[in-house]
Amino acid sequence: MKALLARSYGRLNELEIADVPRPEPAAGQLLVRVQAAAVNPIDIALITGTLKDKLPVAHPFVPGVDVSGVVESVGAGVDRFRAGDAVIAWNGVPSGAFAEYALVRADDSAALRPPSLDPRHGAALPTGALTASALLDEAKPGLPGWVLIVGATGGLGSYAVQLAKQAGATVIATGRDGDMDYLESLGADGVIDYRTENVAERVRDWTQGGADVVIDLAQAGPALADAAAAAKPGGLLVSPLGGPPAFDRDVRAVYTGTTTPAGRLAELAAQAATGALRVEIGAEYPFSEARQALLDFTAQHVRGKVVVTF
């Protein structure tokens, strides 16, 4: 089979499509014929090695954590899925989605893909929607209330806006000039252009004291202090990227990543299938241009998800 390979940690332009042996599913695994895969920031980190001390990978490495396809065969002990099932999955650090076939864990990181959810939109769902759901789980002490979402136009942000609205929040989103209509269509009650306005001052003025919850999807480490300044005293900052345990203004911080509670991916897929959860695809590439998809992902501002199709 053909796969996009990183033969060692390095630059994205060193990736290549090469022939590799087709894997066989072990106990508790599915072999999936991939129809589509989505690009995520974690792919870049795993390829370049920026997280190799915490999340090392074995080489040659096939990136891609979001899988959408059809089950080719199942390993021993698998009873939730069978050959021929359409599925989506979050594959985590083992990755493998940028290949004609991928191994997938047959647990709560995988779900049946509803018939009305096509492979492309199925691939765009797992990481973004699961991570946004985990962030909203942590934000519950401040809900319903004012929620600021920093980095709202990306693949993760688009889900965070929608799920925050479902939780009853009044949502303020940051974006660029021209993003207002898009973010409002996702459910944002107000939009701030982060390039021309002081976000923290605008939020404090808008909310008369600060947001109950700030969800920052764009910054990490000490830079999160800028976002925390938009929270009210006693407020909460939630981020998937990591940073200080607390901030000035008595703002508490919680950090979380992608989680797969039982049934959650199936529930999100059901919402996407009915249109209750919008899946935004901002760019699409054929597998032959998978390397270019990753390069463009790092260089361009894209609304929603970048998807590679097979």
C-alpha atoms as a PDB file:
ATOM      1  CA  MET A   1       0.000   0.000   0.000  1.00  0.00           C
ATOM      2  CA  LYS A   2       1.013   3.627  -0.339  1.00  0.00           C
ATOM      3  CA  ALA A   3       1.566   5.858   2.686  1.00  0.00           C
ATOM      4  CA  LEU A   4       2.915   9.308   3.481  1.00  0.00           C
ATOM      5  CA  LEU A   5       6.176   8.669   5.339  1.00  0.00           C
ATOM      6  CA  ALA A   6       8.453  10.588   7.646  1.00  0.00           C
ATOM      7  CA  ARG A   7      11.675   8.574   7.762  1.00  0.00           C
ATOM      8  CA  SER A   8      13.029  10.633  10.663  1.00  0.00           C
ATOM      9  CA  TYR A   9      12.191  13.813  12.542  1.00  0.00           C
ATOM     10  CA  GLY A  10      12.597  16.708  10.166  1.00  0.00           C
ATOM     11  CA  ARG A  11      10.954  19.219   7.870  1.00  0.00           C
ATOM     12  CA  LEU A  12       7.583  18.733   6.247  1.00  0.00           C
ATOM     13  CA  ASN A  13       9.047  18.970   2.750  1.00  0.00           C
ATOM     14  CA  GLU A  14      11.032  15.786   3.480  1.00  0.00           C
ATOM     15  CA  LEU A  15       7.843  13.717   3.622  1.00  0.00           C
ATOM     16  CA  GLU A  16       7.329  11.246   0.782  1.00  0.00           C
ATOM     17  CA  ILE A  17       4.671   8.898  -0.503  1.00  0.00           C
ATOM     18  CA  ALA A  18       6.134   5.404  -0.578  1.00  0.00           C
ATOM     19  CA  ASP A  19       5.101   1.750  -0.738  1.00  0.00           C
ATOM     20  CA  VAL A  20       4.927   0.015   2.645  1.00  0.00           C
ATOM     21  CA  PRO A  21       3.526  -3.366   3.738  1.00  0.00           C
ATOM     22  CA  ARG A  22      -0.166  -3.393   4.505  1.00  0.00           C
ATOM     23  CA  PRO A  23      -0.603  -4.025   8.245  1.00  0.00           C
ATOM     24  CA  GLU A  24      -2.722  -6.727   9.811  1.00  0.00           C
ATOM     25  CA  PRO A  25      -5.011  -5.959  12.744  1.00  0.00           C
ATOM     26  CA  ALA A  26      -3.936  -7.300  16.116  1.00  0.00           C
ATOM     27  CA  ALA A  27      -6.353  -8.114  18.918  1.00  0.00           C
ATOM     28  CA  GLY A  28      -8.630  -5.173  19.572  1.00  0.00           C
ATOM     29  CA  GLN A  29      -7.806  -3.434  16.285  1.00  0.00           C
ATOM     30  CA  LEU A  30      -9.494  -2.677  12.987  1.00  0.00           C
ATOM     31  CA  LEU A  31      -7.870  -2.458   9.588  1.00  0.00           C
ATOM     32  CA  VAL A  32      -9.570   0.442   7.826  1.00  0.00           C
ATOM     33  CA  ARG A  33      -9.448   1.245   4.130  1.00  0.00           C
ATOM     34  CA  VAL A  34      -8.989   4.988   4.358  1.00  0.00           C
ATOM     35  CA  GLN A  35     -11.326   7.226   2.363  1.00  0.00           C
ATOM     36  CA  ALA A  36     -10.357  10.548   3.950  1.00  0.00           C
ATOM     37  CA  ALA A  37      -8.083  11.945   6.649  1.00  0.00           C
ATOM     38  CA  ALA A  38      -7.811  15.384   8.252  1.00  0.00           C
ATOM     39  CA  VAL A  39      -4.807  17.554   9.095  1.00  0.00           C
ATOM     40  CA  ASN A  40      -4.219  18.632  12.714  1.00  0.00           C
ATOM     41  CA  PRO A  41      -1.519  20.615  14.541  1.00  0.00           C
ATOM     42  CA  ILE A  42      -0.419  17.441  16.343  1.00  0.00           C
ATOM     43  CA  ASP A  43       0.565  15.955  12.967  1.00  0.00           C
ATOM     44  CA  ILE A  44       3.081  18.761  12.479  1.00  0.00           C
ATOM     45  CA  ALA A  45       4.509  18.318  15.970  1.00  0.00           C
ATOM     46  CA  LEU A  46       4.907  14.553  15.574  1.00  0.00           C
ATOM     47  CA  ILE A  47       6.569  14.896  12.172  1.00  0.00           C
ATOM     48  CA  THR A  48       9.018  17.634  13.141  1.00  0.00           C
ATOM     49  CA  GLY A  49       9.742  16.236  16.595  1.00  0.00           C
ATOM     50  CA  THR A  50       8.850  19.327  18.590  1.00  0.00           C
ATOM     51  CA  LEU A  51       7.125  17.044  21.125  1.00  0.00           C
ATOM     52  CA  LYS A  52       9.497  14.087  20.858  1.00  0.00           C
ATOM     53  CA  ASP A  53      10.454  14.202  24.555  1.00  0.00           C
ATOM     54  CA  LYS A  54       6.800  13.765  25.567  1.00  0.00           C
ATOM     55  CA  LEU A  55       5.323  12.038  22.509  1.00  0.00           C
ATOM     56  CA  PRO A  56       8.017  10.077  20.677  1.00  0.00           C
ATOM     57  CA  VAL A  57       7.163   8.136  17.525  1.00  0.00           C
ATOM     58  CA  ALA A  58       8.862   5.230  15.788  1.00  0.00           C
ATOM     59  CA  HIS A  59      10.198   5.718  12.270  1.00  0.00           C
ATOM     60  CA  PRO A  60       9.294   5.331   9.503  1.00  0.00           C
ATOM     61  CA  PHE A  61       6.250   7.211  10.743  1.00  0.00           C
ATOM     62  CA  VAL A  62       2.882   7.662   9.003  1.00  0.00           C
ATOM     63  CA  PRO A  63       1.113  10.818  10.269  1.00  0.00           C
ATOM     64  CA  GLY A  64      -2.612  11.433  10.481  1.00  0.00           C
ATOM     65  CA  VAL A  65      -4.773  11.084  13.599  1.00  0.00           C
ATOM     66  CA  ASP A  66      -8.229  11.512  12.012  1.00  0.00           C
ATOM     67  CA  VAL A  67      -9.435   8.492  10.037  1.00  0.00           C
ATOM     68  CA  SER A  68     -12.578   8.006   7.955  1.00  0.00           C
ATOM     69  CA  GLY A  69     -13.076   4.849   5.946  1.00  0.00           C
ATOM     70  CA  VAL A  70     -14.437   1.335   5.724  1.00  0.00           C
ATOM     71  CA  VAL A  71     -13.439  -1.616   7.901  1.00  0.00           C
ATOM     72  CA  GLU A  72     -11.447  -4.118   5.836  1.00  0.00           C
ATOM     73  CA  SER A  73     -10.913  -6.677   8.611  1.00  0.00           C
ATOM     74  CA  VAL A  74     -11.010  -6.957  12.398  1.00  0.00           C
ATOM     75  CA  GLY A  75      -8.637  -8.404  14.956  1.00  0.00           C
ATOM     76  CA  ALA A  76      -9.367 -10.948  17.633  1.00  0.00           C
ATOM     77  CA  GLY A  77     -11.847  -9.949  20.300  1.00  0.00           C
ATOM     78  CA  VAL A  78     -13.548  -7.224  18.269  1.00  0.00           C
ATOM     79  CA  ASP A  79     -17.332  -7.439  18.378  1.00  0.00           C
ATOM     80  CA  ARG A  80     -18.476  -3.802  18.005  1.00  0.00           C
ATOM     81  CA  PHE A  81     -17.386  -3.572  14.372  1.00  0.00           C
ATOM     82  CA  ARG A  82     -17.330  -5.859  11.354  1.00  0.00           C
ATOM     83  CA  ALA A  83     -15.865  -5.818   7.852  1.00  0.00           C
ATOM     84  CA  GLY A  84     -17.757  -3.402   5.630  1.00  0.00           C
ATOM     85  CA  ASP A  85     -18.687  -0.954   8.404  1.00  0.00           C
ATOM     86  CA  ALA A  86     -18.157   2.731   7.644  1.00  0.00           C
ATOM     87  CA  VAL A  87     -16.234   4.220  10.564  1.00  0.00           C
ATOM     88  CA  ILE A  88     -14.486   7.316  11.842  1.00  0.00           C
ATOM     89  CA  ALA A  89     -11.746   7.323  14.452  1.00  0.00           C
ATOM     90  CA  TRP A  90      -9.291   9.398  16.433  1.00  0.00           C
ATOM     91  CA  ASN A  91      -6.007   7.529  16.247  1.00  0.00           C
ATOM     92  CA  GLY A  92      -3.829   9.520  18.641  1.00  0.00           C
ATOM     93  CA  VAL A  93      -0.057   9.363  18.597  1.00  0.00           C
ATOM     94  CA  PRO A  94       0.159   6.023  16.725  1.00  0.00           C
ATOM     95  CA  SER A  95      -1.370   7.971  13.813  1.00  0.00           C
ATOM     96  CA  GLY A  96      -1.416   6.300  10.376  1.00  0.00           C
ATOM     97  CA  ALA A  97      -4.329   8.009   8.618  1.00  0.00           C
ATOM     98  CA  PHE A  98      -2.306   9.284   5.646  1.00  0.00           C
ATOM     99  CA  ALA A  99      -2.164   5.862   4.049  1.00  0.00           C
ATOM    100  CA  GLU A 100      -4.379   3.639   1.951  1.00  0.00           C
ATOM    101  CA  TYR A 101      -4.978   1.436   5.002  1.00  0.00           C
ATOM    102  CA  ALA A 102      -4.717   2.308   8.695  1.00  0.00           C
ATOM    103  CA  LEU A 103      -4.908   0.403  11.954  1.00  0.00           C
ATOM    104  CA  VAL A 104      -7.522   1.757  14.355  1.00  0.00           C
ATOM    105  CA  ARG A 105      -8.248   0.854  17.964  1.00  0.00           C
ATOM    106  CA  ALA A 106     -11.663  -0.781  18.298  1.00  0.00           C
ATOM    107  CA  ASP A 107     -12.581   1.184  21.426  1.00  0.00           C
ATOM    108  CA  ASP A 108     -14.310   4.491  22.187  1.00  0.00           C
ATOM    109  CA  SER A 109     -11.877   6.349  19.928  1.00  0.00           C
ATOM    110  CA  ALA A 110     -13.770   4.803  16.983  1.00  0.00           C
ATOM    111  CA  ALA A 111     -17.416   5.007  15.981  1.00  0.00           C
ATOM    112  CA  LEU A 112     -19.712   3.942  13.184  1.00  0.00           C
ATOM    113  CA  ARG A 113     -20.124   6.683  10.585  1.00  0.00           C
ATOM    114  CA  PRO A 114     -23.813   7.454   9.978  1.00  0.00           C
ATOM    115  CA  PRO A 115     -24.930   6.933   6.351  1.00  0.00           C
ATOM    116  CA  SER A 116     -25.661  10.641   5.865  1.00  0.00           C
ATOM    117  CA  LEU A 117     -22.154  11.682   7.017  1.00  0.00           C
ATOM    118  CA  ASP A 118     -19.833  11.427   4.014  1.00  0.00           C
ATOM    119  CA  PRO A 119     -16.191  10.313   4.401  1.00  0.00           C
ATOM    120  CA  ARG A 120     -14.759  13.837   4.037  1.00  0.00           C
ATOM    121  CA  HIS A 121     -16.887  15.371   6.763  1.00  0.00           C
ATOM    122  CA  GLY A 122     -16.396  12.260   8.867  1.00  0.00           C
ATOM    123  CA  ALA A 123     -12.626  12.737   8.740  1.00  0.00           C
ATOM    124  CA  ALA A 124     -12.980  16.380   9.765  1.00  0.00           C
ATOM    125  CA  LEU A 125     -14.817  15.481  12.959  1.00  0.00           C
ATOM    126  CA  PRO A 126     -12.858  13.407  15.528  1.00  0.00           C
ATOM    127  CA  THR A 127      -9.934  15.482  16.843  1.00  0.00           C
ATOM    128  CA  GLY A 128     -11.637  18.855  16.602  1.00  0.00           C
ATOM    129  CA  ALA A 129     -14.992  17.848  18.033  1.00  0.00           C
ATOM    130  CA  LEU A 130     -13.606  15.530  20.725  1.00  0.00           C
ATOM    131  CA  THR A 131     -11.121  18.140  21.915  1.00  0.00           C
ATOM    132  CA  ALA A 132     -13.715  20.910  21.915  1.00  0.00           C
ATOM    133  CA  SER A 133     -16.007  18.648  23.943  1.00  0.00           C
ATOM    134  CA  ALA A 134     -13.232  18.022  26.472  1.00  0.00           C
ATOM    135  CA  LEU A 135     -12.619  21.764  26.790  1.00  0.00           C
ATOM    136  CA  LEU A 136     -16.324  22.399  27.367  1.00  0.00           C
ATOM    137  CA  ASP A 137     -16.353  19.677  30.027  1.00  0.00           C
ATOM    138  CA  GLU A 138     -13.721  21.674  31.924  1.00  0.00           C
ATOM    139  CA  ALA A 139     -15.581  24.947  31.308  1.00  0.00           C
ATOM    140  CA  LYS A 140     -18.817  23.726  32.937  1.00  0.00           C
ATOM    141  CA  PRO A 141     -18.270  25.589  36.253  1.00  0.00           C
ATOM    142  CA  GLY A 142     -18.629  28.844  34.291  1.00  0.00           C
ATOM    143  CA  LEU A 143     -21.613  27.798  32.189  1.00  0.00           C
ATOM    144  CA  PRO A 144     -23.993  29.176  31.206  1.00  0.00           C
ATOM    145  CA  GLY A 145     -22.203  32.507  31.122  1.00  0.00           C
ATOM    146  CA  TRP A 146     -19.895  34.637  29.008  1.00  0.00           C
ATOM    147  CA  VAL A 147     -17.331  32.562  27.089  1.00  0.00           C
ATOM    148  CA  LEU A 148     -14.481  34.027  25.045  1.00  0.00           C
ATOM    149  CA  ILE A 149     -13.042  31.680  22.427  1.00  0.00           C
ATOM    150  CA  VAL A 150      -9.621  32.715  21.125  1.00  0.00           C
ATOM    151  CA  GLY A 151      -8.744  31.139  17.780  1.00  0.00           C
ATOM    152  CA  ALA A 152     -12.348  30.444  16.866  1.00  0.00           C
ATOM    153  CA  THR A 153     -12.055  30.098  13.090  1.00  0.00           C
ATOM    154  CA  GLY A 154      -9.941  26.928  12.945  1.00  0.00           C
ATOM    155  CA  GLY A 155     -11.000  23.314  12.930  1.00  0.00           C
ATOM    156  CA  LEU A 156     -11.092  23.152  16.726  1.00  0.00           C
ATOM    157  CA  GLY A 157     -12.526  26.625  17.219  1.00  0.00           C
ATOM    158  CA  SER A 158     -15.490  26.046  14.945  1.00  0.00           C
ATOM    159  CA  TYR A 159     -16.603  23.163  17.167  1.00  0.00           C
ATOM    160  CA  ALA A 160     -15.874  25.054  20.389  1.00  0.00           C
ATOM    161  CA  VAL A 161     -18.164  27.902  19.337  1.00  0.00           C
ATOM    162  CA  GLN A 162     -21.010  25.544  18.503  1.00  0.00           C
ATOM    163  CA  LEU A 163     -20.673  23.379  21.599  1.00  0.00           C
ATOM    164  CA  ALA A 164     -20.421  26.423  23.861  1.00  0.00           C
ATOM    165  CA  LYS A 165     -23.680  27.689  22.395  1.00  0.00           C
ATOM    166  CA  GLN A 166     -25.263  24.282  22.959  1.00  0.00           C
ATOM    167  CA  ALA A 167     -24.190  24.610  26.621  1.00  0.00           C
ATOM    168  CA  GLY A 168     -26.054  27.906  26.918  1.00  0.00           C
ATOM    169  CA  ALA A 169     -23.081  30.266  26.764  1.00  0.00           C
ATOM    170  CA  THR A 170     -23.022  33.773  25.368  1.00  0.00           C
ATOM    171  CA  VAL A 171     -20.045  33.444  23.030  1.00  0.00           C
ATOM    172  CA  ILE A 172     -17.496  36.051  22.031  1.00  0.00           C
ATOM    173  CA  ALA A 173     -15.112  34.806  19.342  1.00  0.00           C
ATOM    174  CA  THR A 174     -11.867  36.209  17.989  1.00  0.00           C
ATOM    175  CA  GLY A 175     -11.097  36.211  14.286  1.00  0.00           C
ATOM    176  CA  ARG A 176      -9.805  38.343  11.461  1.00  0.00           C
ATOM    177  CA  ASP A 177     -11.477  41.034   9.428  1.00  0.00           C
ATOM    178  CA  GLY A 178     -13.899  39.172   7.189  1.00  0.00           C
ATOM    179  CA  ASP A 179     -14.539  36.355   9.675  1.00  0.00           C
ATOM    180  CA  MET A 180     -17.514  38.024  11.384  1.00  0.00           C
ATOM    181  CA  ASP A 181     -20.281  36.539   9.250  1.00  0.00           C
ATOM    182  CA  TYR A 182     -18.708  33.088   9.406  1.00  0.00           C
ATOM    183  CA  LEU A 183     -18.319  33.099  13.190  1.00  0.00           C
ATOM    184  CA  GLU A 184     -21.821  34.456  13.690  1.00  0.00           C
ATOM    185  CA  SER A 185     -23.134  31.666  11.453  1.00  0.00           C
ATOM    186  CA  LEU A 186     -21.548  29.192  13.892  1.00  0.00           C
ATOM    187  CA  GLY A 187     -23.367  30.850  16.782  1.00  0.00           C
ATOM    188  CA  ALA A 188     -21.013  33.551  18.067  1.00  0.00           C
ATOM    189  CA  ASP A 189     -22.877  36.431  19.714  1.00  0.00           C
ATOM    190  CA  GLY A 190     -20.000  38.829  19.125  1.00  0.00           C
ATOM    191  CA  VAL A 191     -16.720  38.864  17.185  1.00  0.00           C
ATOM    192  CA  ILE A 192     -13.482  40.714  17.940  1.00  0.00           C
ATOM    193  CA  ASP A 193     -10.751  41.303  15.349  1.00  0.00           C
ATOM    194  CA  TYR A 194      -7.670  40.335  17.342  1.00  0.00           C
ATOM    195  CA  ARG A 195      -5.361  42.114  14.903  1.00  0.00           C
ATOM    196  CA  THR A 196      -6.889  45.573  15.335  1.00  0.00           C
ATOM    197  CA  GLU A 197      -8.509  45.519  18.787  1.00  0.00           C
ATOM    198  CA  ASN A 198      -7.344  44.901  22.342  1.00  0.00           C
ATOM    199  CA  VAL A 199      -9.240  41.691  23.015  1.00  0.00           C
ATOM    200  CA  ALA A 200      -9.055  41.769  26.825  1.00  0.00           C
ATOM    201  CA  GLU A 201     -10.204  45.391  27.069  1.00  0.00           C
ATOM    202  CA  ARG A 202     -13.040  44.818  24.614  1.00  0.00           C
ATOM    203  CA  VAL A 203     -14.241  41.713  26.462  1.00  0.00           C
ATOM    204  CA  ARG A 204     -14.106  43.380  29.893  1.00  0.00           C
ATOM    205  CA  ASP A 205     -16.090  46.304  28.513  1.00  0.00           C
ATOM    206  CA  TRP A 206     -18.572  44.064  26.705  1.00  0.00           C
ATOM    207  CA  THR A 207     -19.211  41.813  29.705  1.00  0.00           C
ATOM    208  CA  GLN A 208     -18.864  44.505  32.382  1.00  0.00           C
ATOM    209  CA  GLY A 209     -15.976  42.848  34.146  1.00  0.00           C
ATOM    210  CA  GLY A 210     -14.692  39.912  32.119  1.00  0.00           C
ATOM    211  CA  ALA A 211     -15.684  36.556  30.694  1.00  0.00           C
ATOM    212  CA  ASP A 212     -16.682  33.715  32.989  1.00  0.00           C
ATOM    213  CA  VAL A 213     -14.590  31.354  30.855  1.00  0.00           C
ATOM    214  CA  VAL A 214     -11.807  31.973  28.335  1.00  0.00           C
ATOM    215  CA  ILE A 215     -11.039  29.112  25.959  1.00  0.00           C
ATOM    216  CA  ASP A 216      -7.731  29.837  24.219  1.00  0.00           C
ATOM    217  CA  LEU A 217      -6.949  27.604  21.252  1.00  0.00           C
ATOM    218  CA  ALA A 218      -4.115  29.675  19.821  1.00  0.00           C
ATOM    219  CA  GLN A 219      -1.587  30.510  22.535  1.00  0.00           C
ATOM    220  CA  ALA A 220       0.509  28.530  24.989  1.00  0.00           C
ATOM    221  CA  GLY A 221       2.741  29.130  27.988  1.00  0.00           C
ATOM    222  CA  PRO A 222       3.240  32.683  29.306  1.00  0.00           C
ATOM    223  CA  ALA A 223       1.434  34.130  26.271  1.00  0.00           C
ATOM    224  CA  LEU A 224      -1.820  32.871  27.796  1.00  0.00           C
ATOM    225  CA  ALA A 225      -1.637  35.757  30.257  1.00  0.00           C
ATOM    226  CA  ASP A 226      -3.056  37.992  27.524  1.00  0.00           C
ATOM    227  CA  ALA A 227      -6.128  35.788  27.232  1.00  0.00           C
ATOM    228  CA  ALA A 228      -6.452  35.410  31.008  1.00  0.00           C
ATOM    229  CA  ALA A 229      -6.685  39.193  31.244  1.00  0.00           C
ATOM    230  CA  ALA A 230     -10.067  38.909  29.520  1.00  0.00           C
ATOM    231  CA  ALA A 231     -11.490  36.720  32.308  1.00  0.00           C
ATOM    232  CA  LYS A 232     -13.324  38.130  35.289  1.00  0.00           C
ATOM    233  CA  PRO A 233     -11.794  37.825  38.785  1.00  0.00           C
ATOM    234  CA  GLY A 234     -12.485  34.278  39.861  1.00  0.00           C
ATOM    235  CA  GLY A 235     -12.883  33.228  36.235  1.00  0.00           C
ATOM    236  CA  LEU A 236     -11.499  30.243  34.385  1.00  0.00           C
ATOM    237  CA  LEU A 237      -9.086  29.806  31.481  1.00  0.00           C
ATOM    238  CA  VAL A 238      -9.168  26.515  29.567  1.00  0.00           C
ATOM    239  CA  SER A 239      -6.565  25.535  26.976  1.00  0.00           C
ATOM    240  CA  PRO A 240      -5.394  22.425  25.130  1.00  0.00           C
ATOM    241  CA  LEU A 241      -1.850  23.795  24.769  1.00  0.00           C
ATOM    242  CA  GLY A 242      -0.501  24.122  28.304  1.00  0.00           C
ATOM    243  CA  GLY A 243       0.676  27.050  30.403  1.00  0.00           C
ATOM    244  CA  PRO A 244       0.876  28.474  33.941  1.00  0.00           C
ATOM    245  CA  PRO A 245      -1.352  27.006  36.674  1.00  0.00           C
ATOM    246  CA  ALA A 246      -2.837  30.419  37.532  1.00  0.00           C
ATOM    247  CA  PHE A 247      -2.828  34.079  36.488  1.00  0.00           C
ATOM    248  CA  ASP A 248      -3.415  37.563  37.863  1.00  0.00           C
ATOM    249  CA  ARG A 249      -7.022  38.635  38.519  1.00  0.00           C
ATOM    250  CA  ASP A 250      -7.554  35.382  40.413  1.00  0.00           C
ATOM    251  CA  VAL A 251      -7.978  33.412  37.198  1.00  0.00           C
ATOM    252  CA  ARG A 252      -7.712  29.629  37.454  1.00  0.00           C
ATOM    253  CA  ALA A 253      -6.295  27.596  34.574  1.00  0.00           C
ATOM    254  CA  VAL A 254      -7.224  24.102  33.390  1.00  0.00           C
ATOM    255  CA  TYR A 255      -5.440  22.263  30.583  1.00  0.00           C
ATOM    256  CA  THR A 256      -6.821  19.267  28.733  1.00  0.00           C
ATOM    257  CA  GLY A 257      -6.484  17.493  25.417  1.00  0.00           C
ATOM    258  CA  THR A 258      -8.463  15.082  23.288  1.00  0.00           C
ATOM    259  CA  THR A 259     -10.494  12.595  25.314  1.00  0.00           C
ATOM    260  CA  THR A 260     -12.760   9.749  24.217  1.00  0.00           C
ATOM    261  CA  PRO A 261     -15.493   9.137  26.814  1.00  0.00           C
ATOM    262  CA  ALA A 262     -17.773   6.220  26.055  1.00  0.00           C
ATOM    263  CA  GLY A 263     -20.217   7.056  23.301  1.00  0.00           C
ATOM    264  CA  ARG A 264     -19.044  10.613  22.729  1.00  0.00           C
ATOM    265  CA  LEU A 265     -17.649  10.232  19.204  1.00  0.00           C
ATOM    266  CA  ALA A 266     -20.807   8.398  18.145  1.00  0.00           C
ATOM    267  CA  GLU A 267     -22.922  11.206  19.629  1.00  0.00           C
ATOM    268  CA  LEU A 268     -20.903  13.875  17.827  1.00  0.00           C
ATOM    269  CA  ALA A 269     -21.162  11.918  14.573  1.00  0.00           C
ATOM    270  CA  ALA A 270     -24.932  11.712  14.992  1.00  0.00           C
ATOM    271  CA  GLN A 271     -25.122  15.483  15.490  1.00  0.00           C
ATOM    272  CA  ALA A 272     -22.973  16.070  12.427  1.00  0.00           C
ATOM    273  CA  ALA A 273     -25.119  13.710  10.366  1.00  0.00           C
ATOM    274  CA  THR A 274     -28.299  15.647  11.197  1.00  0.00           C
ATOM    275  CA  GLY A 275     -26.692  19.086  10.810  1.00  0.00           C
ATOM    276  CA  ALA A 276     -27.003  19.900  14.509  1.00  0.00           C
ATOM    277  CA  LEU A 277     -23.205  20.173  14.531  1.00  0.00           C
ATOM    278  CA  ARG A 278     -21.701  21.872  11.499  1.00  0.00           C
ATOM    279  CA  VAL A 279     -18.523  20.362  10.047  1.00  0.00           C
ATOM    280  CA  GLU A 280     -16.580  23.011   8.152  1.00  0.00           C
ATOM    281  CA  ILE A 281     -14.043  21.939   5.508  1.00  0.00           C
ATOM    282  CA  GLY A 282     -11.813  24.826   4.498  1.00  0.00           C
ATOM    283  CA  ALA A 283      -9.512  23.025   2.048  1.00  0.00           C
ATOM    284  CA  GLU A 284      -9.332  19.624   0.372  1.00  0.00           C
ATOM    285  CA  TYR A 285      -6.421  17.787  -1.275  1.00  0.00           C
ATOM    286  CA  PRO A 286      -6.045  14.428  -3.007  1.00  0.00           C
ATOM    287  CA  PHE A 287      -3.724  11.947  -1.320  1.00  0.00           C
ATOM    288  CA  SER A 288      -1.103  12.565  -3.998  1.00  0.00           C
ATOM    289  CA  GLU A 289      -0.804  16.104  -2.560  1.00  0.00           C
ATOM    290  CA  ALA A 290      -0.827  15.132   1.122  1.00  0.00           C
ATOM    291  CA  ARG A 291       2.577  16.671   1.762  1.00  0.00           C
ATOM    292  CA  GLN A 292       1.381  19.954   0.253  1.00  0.00           C
ATOM    293  CA  ALA A 293      -1.705  19.835   2.468  1.00  0.00           C
ATOM    294  CA  LEU A 294       0.515  19.754   5.541  1.00  0.00           C
ATOM    295  CA  LEU A 295       2.769  22.520   4.212  1.00  0.00           C
ATOM    296  CA  ASP A 296      -0.187  24.754   3.396  1.00  0.00           C
ATOM    297  CA  PHE A 297      -1.756  24.042   6.780  1.00  0.00           C
ATOM    298  CA  THR A 298       1.233  25.659   8.488  1.00  0.00           C
ATOM    299  CA  ALA A 299       1.325  28.667   6.163  1.00  0.00           C
ATOM    300  CA  GLN A 300      -2.281  29.621   5.424  1.00  0.00           C
ATOM    301  CA  HIS A 301      -5.284  30.834   7.398  1.00  0.00           C
ATOM    302  CA  VAL A 302      -8.008  28.266   6.777  1.00  0.00           C
ATOM    303  CA  ARG A 303     -11.505  28.240   8.200  1.00  0.00           C
ATOM    304  CA  GLY A 304     -12.426  24.815   9.500  1.00  0.00           C
ATOM    305  CA  LYS A 305     -10.554  21.628   8.657  1.00  0.00           C
ATOM    306  CA  VAL A 306      -8.079  20.622   5.971  1.00  0.00           C
ATOM    307  CA  VAL A 307      -8.976  17.210   4.514  1.00  0.00           C
ATOM    308  CA  VAL A 308      -7.042  14.723   2.372  1.00  0.00           C
ATOM    309  CA  THR A 309      -9.109  12.327   0.240  1.00  0.00           C
ATOM    310  CA  PHE A 310      -8.257   8.915  -1.255  1.00  0.00           C
END
